[in-house]
C-alpha atoms as a PDB file:
ATOM      1  CA  UNK A   1       0.190  -0.040   0.090  1.00  0.00           C
ATOM      2  CA  UNK A   2       2.958   2.129   0.796  1.00  0.00           C
ATOM      3  CA  UNK A   3       4.386   4.000  -2.092  1.00  0.00           C
ATOM      4  CA  UNK A   4       6.862   7.117  -2.619  1.00  0.00           C
ATOM      5  CA  UNK A   5       6.424   9.114  -5.796  1.00  0.00           C
ATOM      6  CA  UNK A   6       5.859  12.212  -6.614  1.00  0.00           C
ATOM      7  CA  UNK A   7       2.849  16.021  -6.648  1.00  0.00           C
ATOM      8  CA  UNK A   8       3.353  16.678 -10.479  1.00  0.00           C
ATOM      9  CA  UNK A   9       1.068  19.745 -11.186  1.00  0.00           C
ATOM     10  CA  UNK A  10      -2.527  19.868 -11.785  1.00  0.00           C
ATOM     11  CA  UNK A  11      -3.158  20.210 -15.292  1.00  0.00           C
ATOM     12  CA  UNK A  12      -3.535  23.586 -17.035  1.00  0.00           C
ATOM     13  CA  UNK A  13      -4.108  24.639 -20.092  1.00  0.00           C
ATOM     14  CA  UNK A  14      -0.665  25.560 -22.103  1.00  0.00           C
ATOM     15  CA  UNK A  15      -1.513  29.347 -22.128  1.00  0.00           C
ATOM     16  CA  UNK A  16      -2.146  29.188 -18.378  1.00  0.00           C
ATOM     17  CA  UNK A  17       1.394  27.612 -17.718  1.00  0.00           C
ATOM     18  CA  UNK A  18       2.944  30.771 -18.953  1.00  0.00           C
ATOM     19  CA  UNK A  19       0.948  32.856 -16.109  1.00  0.00           C
ATOM     20  CA  UNK A  20       3.184  32.347 -13.189  1.00  0.00           C
ATOM     21  CA  UNK A  21       5.729  33.847 -15.673  1.00  0.00           C
ATOM     22  CA  UNK A  22       3.842  36.631 -16.938  1.00  0.00           C
ATOM     23  CA  UNK A  23       2.660  37.553 -12.794  1.00  0.00           C
ATOM     24  CA  UNK A  24       6.234  37.430 -12.230  1.00  0.00           C
ATOM     25  CA  UNK A  25       7.719  39.616 -15.173  1.00  0.00           C
ATOM     26  CA  UNK A  26       4.591  42.448 -14.454  1.00  0.00           C
ATOM     27  CA  UNK A  27       5.350  42.181 -10.646  1.00  0.00           C
ATOM     28  CA  UNK A  28       8.992  42.953 -11.432  1.00  0.00           C
ATOM     29  CA  UNK A  29       8.140  45.649 -13.437  1.00  0.00           C
ATOM     30  CA  UNK A  30       6.932  47.624 -10.431  1.00  0.00           C
ATOM     31  CA  UNK A  31       9.864  47.227  -8.599  1.00  0.00           C
ATOM     32  CA  UNK A  32      12.775  49.461  -8.512  1.00  0.00           C
ATOM     33  CA  UNK A  33      15.559  48.092 -10.234  1.00  0.00           C
ATOM     34  CA  UNK A  34      17.355  48.863  -7.188  1.00  0.00           C
ATOM     35  CA  UNK A  35      15.383  46.198  -5.580  1.00  0.00           C
ATOM     36  CA  UNK A  36      15.484  43.806  -8.333  1.00  0.00           C
ATOM     37  CA  UNK A  37      17.080  40.350  -6.752  1.00  0.00           C
ATOM     38  CA  UNK A  38      17.375  38.183 -10.453  1.00  0.00           C
ATOM     39  CA  UNK A  39      18.386  35.711  -8.687  1.00  0.00           C
ATOM     40  CA  UNK A  40      15.482  35.056  -6.348  1.00  0.00           C
ATOM     41  CA  UNK A  41      13.005  35.912  -9.439  1.00  0.00           C
ATOM     42  CA  UNK A  42      14.317  32.942 -11.530  1.00  0.00           C
ATOM     43  CA  UNK A  43      14.106  30.986  -8.737  1.00  0.00           C
ATOM     44  CA  UNK A  44      10.008  31.802  -7.899  1.00  0.00           C
ATOM     45  CA  UNK A  45       9.547  31.315 -11.678  1.00  0.00           C
ATOM     46  CA  UNK A  46      10.638  27.466 -11.910  1.00  0.00           C
ATOM     47  CA  UNK A  47       8.618  27.054  -8.866  1.00  0.00           C
ATOM     48  CA  UNK A  48       5.366  29.155 -10.425  1.00  0.00           C
ATOM     49  CA  UNK A  49       5.872  27.087 -13.717  1.00  0.00           C
ATOM     50  CA  UNK A  50       6.097  23.510 -12.246  1.00  0.00           C
ATOM     51  CA  UNK A  51       3.260  24.266  -9.911  1.00  0.00           C
ATOM     52  CA  UNK A  52       0.775  25.135 -12.691  1.00  0.00           C
ATOM     53  CA  UNK A  53       1.927  21.955 -15.136  1.00  0.00           C
ATOM     54  CA  UNK A  54       0.396  18.641 -14.883  1.00  0.00           C
ATOM     55  CA  UNK A  55       3.896  16.879 -15.283  1.00  0.00           C
ATOM     56  CA  UNK A  56       7.271  17.232 -14.970  1.00  0.00           C
ATOM     57  CA  UNK A  57       9.525  18.872 -17.030  1.00  0.00           C
ATOM     58  CA  UNK A  58      13.299  18.786 -18.648  1.00  0.00           C
ATOM     59  CA  UNK A  59      15.856  21.572 -18.132  1.00  0.00           C
ATOM     60  CA  UNK A  60      15.110  22.780 -21.642  1.00  0.00           C
ATOM     61  CA  UNK A  61      11.292  22.874 -21.568  1.00  0.00           C
ATOM     62  CA  UNK A  62      11.984  24.974 -18.221  1.00  0.00           C
ATOM     63  CA  UNK A  63      14.556  27.153 -20.171  1.00  0.00           C
ATOM     64  CA  UNK A  64      12.099  27.485 -23.027  1.00  0.00           C
ATOM     65  CA  UNK A  65       8.586  28.253 -20.906  1.00  0.00           C
ATOM     66  CA  UNK A  66      11.084  30.947 -18.871  1.00  0.00           C
ATOM     67  CA  UNK A  67      12.360  32.191 -22.304  1.00  0.00           C
ATOM     68  CA  UNK A  68      15.707  31.501 -20.531  1.00  0.00           C
ATOM     69  CA  UNK A  69      18.867  29.751 -21.851  1.00  0.00           C
ATOM     70  CA  UNK A  70      19.410  26.472 -20.490  1.00  0.00           C
ATOM     71  CA  UNK A  71      22.585  27.083 -18.888  1.00  0.00           C
ATOM     72  CA  UNK A  72      21.175  29.960 -17.265  1.00  0.00           C
ATOM     73  CA  UNK A  73      18.634  27.947 -15.929  1.00  0.00           C
ATOM     74  CA  UNK A  74      21.065  24.979 -14.540  1.00  0.00           C
ATOM     75  CA  UNK A  75      22.285  26.882 -11.418  1.00  0.00           C
ATOM     76  CA  UNK A  76      18.883  27.944 -10.399  1.00  0.00           C
ATOM     77  CA  UNK A  77      17.351  24.091 -10.576  1.00  0.00           C
ATOM     78  CA  UNK A  78      20.635  23.035  -8.984  1.00  0.00           C
ATOM     79  CA  UNK A  79      19.555  25.416  -5.808  1.00  0.00           C
ATOM     80  CA  UNK A  80      16.094  24.284  -5.807  1.00  0.00           C
ATOM     81  CA  UNK A  81      16.853  21.156  -5.530  1.00  0.00           C
ATOM     82  CA  UNK A  82      19.650  20.913  -3.166  1.00  0.00           C
ATOM     83  CA  UNK A  83      17.264  22.893  -1.278  1.00  0.00           C
ATOM     84  CA  UNK A  84      14.500  20.437  -1.466  1.00  0.00           C
ATOM     85  CA  UNK A  85      12.013  22.296  -3.248  1.00  0.00           C
ATOM     86  CA  UNK A  86      11.753  20.544  -6.460  1.00  0.00           C
ATOM     87  CA  UNK A  87      13.282  16.865  -7.088  1.00  0.00           C
ATOM     88  CA  UNK A  88      15.049  15.193 -10.408  1.00  0.00           C
ATOM     89  CA  UNK A  89      13.108  11.836 -11.662  1.00  0.00           C
ATOM     90  CA  UNK A  90      14.746   8.965 -12.893  1.00  0.00           C
ATOM     91  CA  UNK A  91      14.137  10.332 -16.396  1.00  0.00           C
ATOM     92  CA  UNK A  92      16.394  13.420 -15.316  1.00  0.00           C
ATOM     93  CA  UNK A  93      13.276  15.617 -15.512  1.00  0.00           C
ATOM     94  CA  UNK A  94      12.186  18.102 -12.557  1.00  0.00           C
ATOM     95  CA  UNK A  95       8.942  18.300 -10.396  1.00  0.00           C
ATOM     96  CA  UNK A  96       8.098  20.225  -7.040  1.00  0.00           C
ATOM     97  CA  UNK A  97       8.280  18.294  -4.139  1.00  0.00           C
ATOM     98  CA  UNK A  98       5.952  18.973  -1.148  1.00  0.00           C
ATOM     99  CA  UNK A  99       8.158  21.470   0.931  1.00  0.00           C
ATOM    100  CA  UNK A 100       6.034  24.533  -0.558  1.00  0.00           C
ATOM    101  CA  UNK A 101       3.209  22.459   1.312  1.00  0.00           C
ATOM    102  CA  UNK A 102       5.143  21.541   4.507  1.00  0.00           C
ATOM    103  CA  UNK A 103       6.116  25.333   4.914  1.00  0.00           C
ATOM    104  CA  UNK A 104       2.200  26.533   4.477  1.00  0.00           C
ATOM    105  CA  UNK A 105       0.595  23.612   6.498  1.00  0.00           C
ATOM    106  CA  UNK A 106      -0.132  26.741   9.385  1.00  0.00           C
ATOM    107  CA  UNK A 107      -2.583  28.153   6.793  1.00  0.00           C
ATOM    108  CA  UNK A 108      -3.685  25.229   5.048  1.00  0.00           C
ATOM    109  CA  UNK A 109      -7.032  25.316   3.337  1.00  0.00           C
ATOM    110  CA  UNK A 110      -7.073  21.793   4.584  1.00  0.00           C
ATOM    111  CA  UNK A 111      -7.093  22.872   8.126  1.00  0.00           C
ATOM    112  CA  UNK A 112     -10.738  23.081   8.462  1.00  0.00           C
ATOM    113  CA  UNK A 113     -11.280  19.518   6.589  1.00  0.00           C
ATOM    114  CA  UNK A 114      -8.874  17.619   8.729  1.00  0.00           C
ATOM    115  CA  UNK A 115     -10.909  19.524  11.701  1.00  0.00           C
ATOM    116  CA  UNK A 116     -13.913  17.931  10.634  1.00  0.00           C
ATOM    117  CA  UNK A 117     -12.756  14.852   9.116  1.00  0.00           C
ATOM    118  CA  UNK A 118     -10.852  13.735  12.540  1.00  0.00           C
ATOM    119  CA  UNK A 119     -13.261  12.550  14.614  1.00  0.00           C
ATOM    120  CA  UNK A 120     -15.821  11.214  11.741  1.00  0.00           C
ATOM    121  CA  UNK A 121     -12.700   9.010  11.011  1.00  0.00           C
ATOM    122  CA  UNK A 122     -12.106   7.707  14.095  1.00  0.00           C
ATOM    123  CA  UNK A 123     -15.715   6.697  14.612  1.00  0.00           C
ATOM    124  CA  UNK A 124     -15.379   4.854  11.191  1.00  0.00           C
ATOM    125  CA  UNK A 125     -11.909   3.031  12.167  1.00  0.00           C
ATOM    126  CA  UNK A 126     -13.674   2.084  15.617  1.00  0.00           C
ATOM    127  CA  UNK A 127     -16.780   0.635  14.007  1.00  0.00           C
ATOM    128  CA  UNK A 128     -15.290  -1.100  10.613  1.00  0.00           C
ATOM    129  CA  UNK A 129     -12.160  -2.146  13.040  1.00  0.00           C
ATOM    130  CA  UNK A 130     -10.820  -0.873  10.007  1.00  0.00           C
ATOM    131  CA  UNK A 131      -7.972   1.789   9.229  1.00  0.00           C
ATOM    132  CA  UNK A 132      -9.221   4.791   6.683  1.00  0.00           C
ATOM    133  CA  UNK A 133      -7.445   7.501   5.148  1.00  0.00           C
ATOM    134  CA  UNK A 134      -8.099  10.718   3.793  1.00  0.00           C
ATOM    135  CA  UNK A 135      -6.578  12.105   0.579  1.00  0.00           C
ATOM    136  CA  UNK A 136      -6.592  15.410  -2.370  1.00  0.00           C
ATOM    137  CA  UNK A 137      -5.593  15.472  -5.060  1.00  0.00           C
ATOM    138  CA  UNK A 138      -2.616  18.334  -4.789  1.00  0.00           C
ATOM    139  CA  UNK A 139      -0.397  19.124  -7.857  1.00  0.00           C
ATOM    140  CA  UNK A 140      -1.411  16.367  -9.762  1.00  0.00           C
ATOM    141  CA  UNK A 141      -0.525  13.509  -7.175  1.00  0.00           C
ATOM    142  CA  UNK A 142      -2.398  12.012  -4.401  1.00  0.00           C
ATOM    143  CA  UNK A 143      -1.555  13.391  -0.967  1.00  0.00           C
ATOM    144  CA  UNK A 144      -2.307  11.745   2.137  1.00  0.00           C
ATOM    145  CA  UNK A 145      -3.499  14.339   4.297  1.00  0.00           C
ATOM    146  CA  UNK A 146      -4.881  11.938   7.735  1.00  0.00           C
ATOM    147  CA  UNK A 147      -4.931   8.617   8.813  1.00  0.00           C
ATOM    148  CA  UNK A 148      -6.718   6.615  11.716  1.00  0.00           C
ATOM    149  CA  UNK A 149      -5.231   3.364  11.750  1.00  0.00           C
ATOM    150  CA  UNK A 150      -7.491   0.108  13.012  1.00  0.00           C
ATOM    151  CA  UNK A 151      -7.182  -1.490  16.291  1.00  0.00           C
ATOM    152  CA  UNK A 152      -6.360  -5.376  14.812  1.00  0.00           C
ATOM    153  CA  UNK A 153      -2.432  -6.639  15.659  1.00  0.00           C
ATOM    154  CA  UNK A 154      -2.521  -6.790  11.850  1.00  0.00           C
ATOM    155  CA  UNK A 155      -3.732  -3.747   9.431  1.00  0.00           C
ATOM    156  CA  UNK A 156      -2.818  -1.621   6.826  1.00  0.00           C
ATOM    157  CA  UNK A 157      -1.518   1.926   7.221  1.00  0.00           C
ATOM    158  CA  UNK A 158      -0.068   4.533   4.681  1.00  0.00           C
ATOM    159  CA  UNK A 159       2.086   7.330   5.724  1.00  0.00           C
ATOM    160  CA  UNK A 160       0.755  10.736   5.710  1.00  0.00           C
ATOM    161  CA  UNK A 161       2.386  13.134   3.659  1.00  0.00           C
ATOM    162  CA  UNK A 162       3.240  10.577   1.126  1.00  0.00           C
ATOM    163  CA  UNK A 163       2.199  10.804  -2.245  1.00  0.00           C
ATOM    164  CA  UNK A 164       0.950   8.666  -5.109  1.00  0.00           C
ATOM    165  CA  UNK A 165      -0.324   8.406  -8.539  1.00  0.00           C
ATOM    166  CA  UNK A 166      -3.588   9.302  -9.127  1.00  0.00           C
ATOM    167  CA  UNK A 167      -4.183   6.771 -11.870  1.00  0.00           C
ATOM    168  CA  UNK A 168      -3.240   3.774  -9.922  1.00  0.00           C
ATOM    169  CA  UNK A 169      -5.107   4.688  -6.494  1.00  0.00           C
ATOM    170  CA  UNK A 170      -8.321   4.351  -5.514  1.00  0.00           C
ATOM    171  CA  UNK A 171      -8.241   8.068  -4.288  1.00  0.00           C
ATOM    172  CA  UNK A 172      -7.442   8.781  -7.486  1.00  0.00           C
ATOM    173  CA  UNK A 173      -9.927   7.453  -9.650  1.00  0.00           C
ATOM    174  CA  UNK A 174     -12.331   9.023  -6.941  1.00  0.00           C
ATOM    175  CA  UNK A 175     -11.310  12.451  -7.442  1.00  0.00           C
ATOM    176  CA  UNK A 176     -10.940  12.185 -11.254  1.00  0.00           C
ATOM    177  CA  UNK A 177     -14.664  11.208 -11.234  1.00  0.00           C
ATOM    178  CA  UNK A 178     -15.441  14.022  -9.765  1.00  0.00           C
ATOM    179  CA  UNK A 179     -14.330  16.155 -12.417  1.00  0.00           C
ATOM    180  CA  UNK A 180     -16.314  17.022 -15.786  1.00  0.00           C
ATOM    181  CA  UNK A 181     -15.176  15.887 -18.827  1.00  0.00           C
ATOM    182  CA  UNK A 182     -13.516  18.448 -19.589  1.00  0.00           C
ATOM    183  CA  UNK A 183     -11.061  19.402 -16.886  1.00  0.00           C
ATOM    184  CA  UNK A 184     -10.318  15.173 -16.362  1.00  0.00           C
ATOM    185  CA  UNK A 185      -9.487  14.977 -20.252  1.00  0.00           C
ATOM    186  CA  UNK A 186      -7.260  18.202 -19.815  1.00  0.00           C
ATOM    187  CA  UNK A 187      -5.200  16.523 -16.515  1.00  0.00           C
ATOM    188  CA  UNK A 188      -5.244  12.772 -18.125  1.00  0.00           C
ATOM    189  CA  UNK A 189      -3.697  14.772 -21.403  1.00  0.00           C
ATOM    190  CA  UNK A 190      -0.857  16.214 -19.633  1.00  0.00           C
ATOM    191  CA  UNK A 191      -0.320  13.129 -17.366  1.00  0.00           C
ATOM    192  CA  UNK A 192       2.826  11.029 -18.542  1.00  0.00           C
ATOM    193  CA  UNK A 193       1.936   7.503 -17.432  1.00  0.00           C
ATOM    194  CA  UNK A 194      -1.609   7.936 -19.657  1.00  0.00           C
ATOM    195  CA  UNK A 195       0.413   8.759 -22.289  1.00  0.00           C
ATOM    196  CA  UNK A 196       2.318   5.279 -22.200  1.00  0.00           C
ATOM    197  CA  UNK A 197      -1.078   3.315 -21.687  1.00  0.00           C
ATOM    198  CA  UNK A 198      -2.076   1.459 -24.897  1.00  0.00           C
ATOM    199  CA  UNK A 199      -5.292   2.829 -25.952  1.00  0.00           C
ATOM    200  CA  UNK A 200      -7.066  -0.222 -24.985  1.00  0.00           C
ATOM    201  CA  UNK A 201      -5.757   0.680 -21.497  1.00  0.00           C
ATOM    202  CA  UNK A 202      -6.766   4.236 -21.568  1.00  0.00           C
ATOM    203  CA  UNK A 203     -10.559   3.354 -22.658  1.00  0.00           C
ATOM    204  CA  UNK A 204     -10.706   0.665 -19.997  1.00  0.00           C
ATOM    205  CA  UNK A 205      -9.890   3.375 -17.302  1.00  0.00           C
ATOM    206  CA  UNK A 206     -12.160   5.909 -18.769  1.00  0.00           C
ATOM    207  CA  UNK A 207     -14.767   3.377 -18.452  1.00  0.00           C
ATOM    208  CA  UNK A 208     -13.738   2.835 -15.073  1.00  0.00           C
ATOM    209  CA  UNK A 209     -14.217   6.275 -13.713  1.00  0.00           C
ATOM    210  CA  UNK A 210     -17.687   6.302 -15.694  1.00  0.00           C
ATOM    211  CA  UNK A 211     -18.409   3.800 -13.285  1.00  0.00           C
ATOM    212  CA  UNK A 212     -17.324   5.174 -10.162  1.00  0.00           C
ATOM    213  CA  UNK A 213     -19.760   8.166 -11.258  1.00  0.00           C
ATOM    214  CA  UNK A 214     -22.829   5.872 -11.466  1.00  0.00           C
ATOM    215  CA  UNK A 215     -22.423   4.016  -8.236  1.00  0.00           C
ATOM    216  CA  UNK A 216     -20.854   6.893  -6.574  1.00  0.00           C
ATOM    217  CA  UNK A 217     -17.895   5.016  -4.699  1.00  0.00           C
ATOM    218  CA  UNK A 218     -14.749   2.969  -5.806  1.00  0.00           C
ATOM    219  CA  UNK A 219     -13.490  -0.604  -4.689  1.00  0.00           C
ATOM    220  CA  UNK A 220     -10.344  -1.935  -5.304  1.00  0.00           C
ATOM    221  CA  UNK A 221      -9.918  -5.264  -4.512  1.00  0.00           C
ATOM    222  CA  UNK A 222      -6.444  -7.015  -4.874  1.00  0.00           C
ATOM    223  CA  UNK A 223      -5.286  -4.252  -7.020  1.00  0.00           C
ATOM    224  CA  UNK A 224      -1.748  -3.259  -5.859  1.00  0.00           C
ATOM    225  CA  UNK A 225      -1.155  -6.517  -3.868  1.00  0.00           C
ATOM    226  CA  UNK A 226      -2.946  -9.859  -3.027  1.00  0.00           C
ATOM    227  CA  UNK A 227      -5.412  -9.423  -0.079  1.00  0.00           C
ATOM    228  CA  UNK A 228      -6.166  -5.958  -0.312  1.00  0.00           C
ATOM    229  CA  UNK A 229      -9.280  -4.598  -0.142  1.00  0.00           C
ATOM    230  CA  UNK A 230      -9.509  -0.551  -0.800  1.00  0.00           C
ATOM    231  CA  UNK A 231     -13.331   1.279  -0.795  1.00  0.00           C
ATOM    232  CA  UNK A 232     -13.439   4.491  -0.981  1.00  0.00           C
ATOM    233  CA  UNK A 233     -16.190   7.577  -1.620  1.00  0.00           C
ATOM    234  CA  UNK A 234     -15.375  11.618  -2.909  1.00  0.00           C
ATOM    235  CA  UNK A 235     -15.830  14.096   0.265  1.00  0.00           C
ATOM    236  CA  UNK A 236     -17.451  17.198  -1.156  1.00  0.00           C
ATOM    237  CA  UNK A 237     -19.249  17.075  -4.375  1.00  0.00           C
ATOM    238  CA  UNK A 238     -17.890  18.242  -7.974  1.00  0.00           C
ATOM    239  CA  UNK A 239     -19.236  21.548  -7.424  1.00  0.00           C
ATOM    240  CA  UNK A 240     -16.739  21.918  -4.306  1.00  0.00           C
ATOM    241  CA  UNK A 241     -13.712  24.074  -3.884  1.00  0.00           C
ATOM    242  CA  UNK A 242     -12.156  21.356  -1.756  1.00  0.00           C
ATOM    243  CA  UNK A 243     -12.530  17.372  -2.788  1.00  0.00           C
ATOM    244  CA  UNK A 244     -11.107  14.526  -0.925  1.00  0.00           C
ATOM    245  CA  UNK A 245     -11.311  10.944  -1.120  1.00  0.00           C
ATOM    246  CA  UNK A 246     -12.119   9.054   2.393  1.00  0.00           C
ATOM    247  CA  UNK A 247     -10.708   5.202   2.099  1.00  0.00           C
ATOM    248  CA  UNK A 248     -11.377   2.259   4.374  1.00  0.00           C
ATOM    249  CA  UNK A 249      -8.247  -0.189   3.572  1.00  0.00           C
ATOM    250  CA  UNK A 250      -8.105  -3.982   4.518  1.00  0.00           C
ATOM    251  CA  UNK A 251      -6.585  -6.716   4.312  1.00  0.00           C
ATOM    252  CA  UNK A 252      -8.728 -10.041   3.354  1.00  0.00           C
ATOM    253  CA  UNK A 253      -8.520 -13.123   5.266  1.00  0.00           C
ATOM    254  CA  UNK A 254      -8.469 -16.971   4.402  1.00  0.00           C
ATOM    255  CA  UNK A 255     -11.481 -17.109   6.365  1.00  0.00           C
ATOM    256  CA  UNK A 256     -14.818 -17.119   4.350  1.00  0.00           C
ATOM    257  CA  UNK A 257     -15.743 -14.247   7.538  1.00  0.00           C
ATOM    258  CA  UNK A 258     -13.559 -11.923   5.894  1.00  0.00           C
ATOM    259  CA  UNK A 259     -14.755  -7.826   5.611  1.00  0.00           C
ATOM    260  CA  UNK A 260     -18.097  -7.257   3.868  1.00  0.00           C
ATOM    261  CA  UNK A 261     -17.558  -4.941   1.007  1.00  0.00           C
ATOM    262  CA  UNK A 262     -20.851  -3.957   1.102  1.00  0.00           C
ATOM    263  CA  UNK A 263     -20.927  -3.136   4.874  1.00  0.00           C
ATOM    264  CA  UNK A 264     -17.614  -0.994   4.214  1.00  0.00           C
ATOM    265  CA  UNK A 265     -19.252   0.978   1.360  1.00  0.00           C
ATOM    266  CA  UNK A 266     -22.391   1.877   3.854  1.00  0.00           C
ATOM    267  CA  UNK A 267     -20.025   3.134   6.139  1.00  0.00           C
ATOM    268  CA  UNK A 268     -17.684   5.127   4.485  1.00  0.00           C
ATOM    269  CA  UNK A 269     -20.274   6.170   2.158  1.00  0.00           C
ATOM    270  CA  UNK A 270     -22.048   7.663   5.602  1.00  0.00           C
ATOM    271  CA  UNK A 271     -19.073   9.104   7.081  1.00  0.00           C
ATOM    272  CA  UNK A 272     -18.280  11.225   3.937  1.00  0.00           C
ATOM    273  CA  UNK A 273     -21.349  12.483   3.319  1.00  0.00           C
ATOM    274  CA  UNK A 274     -21.253  13.122   7.511  1.00  0.00           C
ATOM    275  CA  UNK A 275     -18.121  15.416   6.741  1.00  0.00           C
ATOM    276  CA  UNK A 276     -19.332  17.042   3.241  1.00  0.00           C
ATOM    277  CA  UNK A 277     -22.547  18.251   5.267  1.00  0.00           C
ATOM    278  CA  UNK A 278     -20.450  19.550   8.347  1.00  0.00           C
ATOM    279  CA  UNK A 279     -18.007  21.651   5.886  1.00  0.00           C
ATOM    280  CA  UNK A 280     -20.797  23.044   3.670  1.00  0.00           C
ATOM    281  CA  UNK A 281     -19.628  21.037   0.995  1.00  0.00           C
ATOM    282  CA  UNK A 282     -22.842  18.844   0.240  1.00  0.00           C
ATOM    283  CA  UNK A 283     -26.517  19.898   0.879  1.00  0.00           C
END
């Protein structure tokens, strides 16, 4: 269950990806030359650019988007990487880490979500005697915000703060299913993993999203490892400014009286609705 990738940025149209650069240039034009800090401007331009992109970017792509030379941008990328704001993928591309998110946690828009969800998740974990966790889609990746573990001696656990693929997780599919078709298509078209799939696999994934929309929950049985069972629902609504996924993760046993998926689905659905109503995200 534990998996540690990377947030790639939320999907944005090509025109909007240049917005951070334009904003930075506009702001700098109002700043007296005596107070300009070119190195800082470049670093902020890189951070804002990567935050607006759905996928990782190469050094050449970043330089082109910022209208700078590749050798000029190299030192900025190296400094940001050393300070932990960006990281290099196996393919030598760059993406943001969660460091900015960590620095902003004191003022996080998710504070109220966590405050409301905490007691409900605790009650859900105790009712089902199963682990549950809460996730959001941030910068194109699934981020685990909170977890309440099962009291069982053998249980599933996922690290809070860890980052996961939206295409390979129950959470990701639930949140993708909450998007309208235009935004979902835009998101998927900018995701490198989706591009690598065969047409058949892409079609099957889109059909799975449609099924989640119809039944209102997602279930993954043995998808990531044998014996694992994930059942989850959306917290919020397609129109909500903040949307999250509430997931119950359990282990199937060799006994015939293993966890009842229908019972779990009902309980997690009720808990998700309760959180949404208390947050004012659902009537």
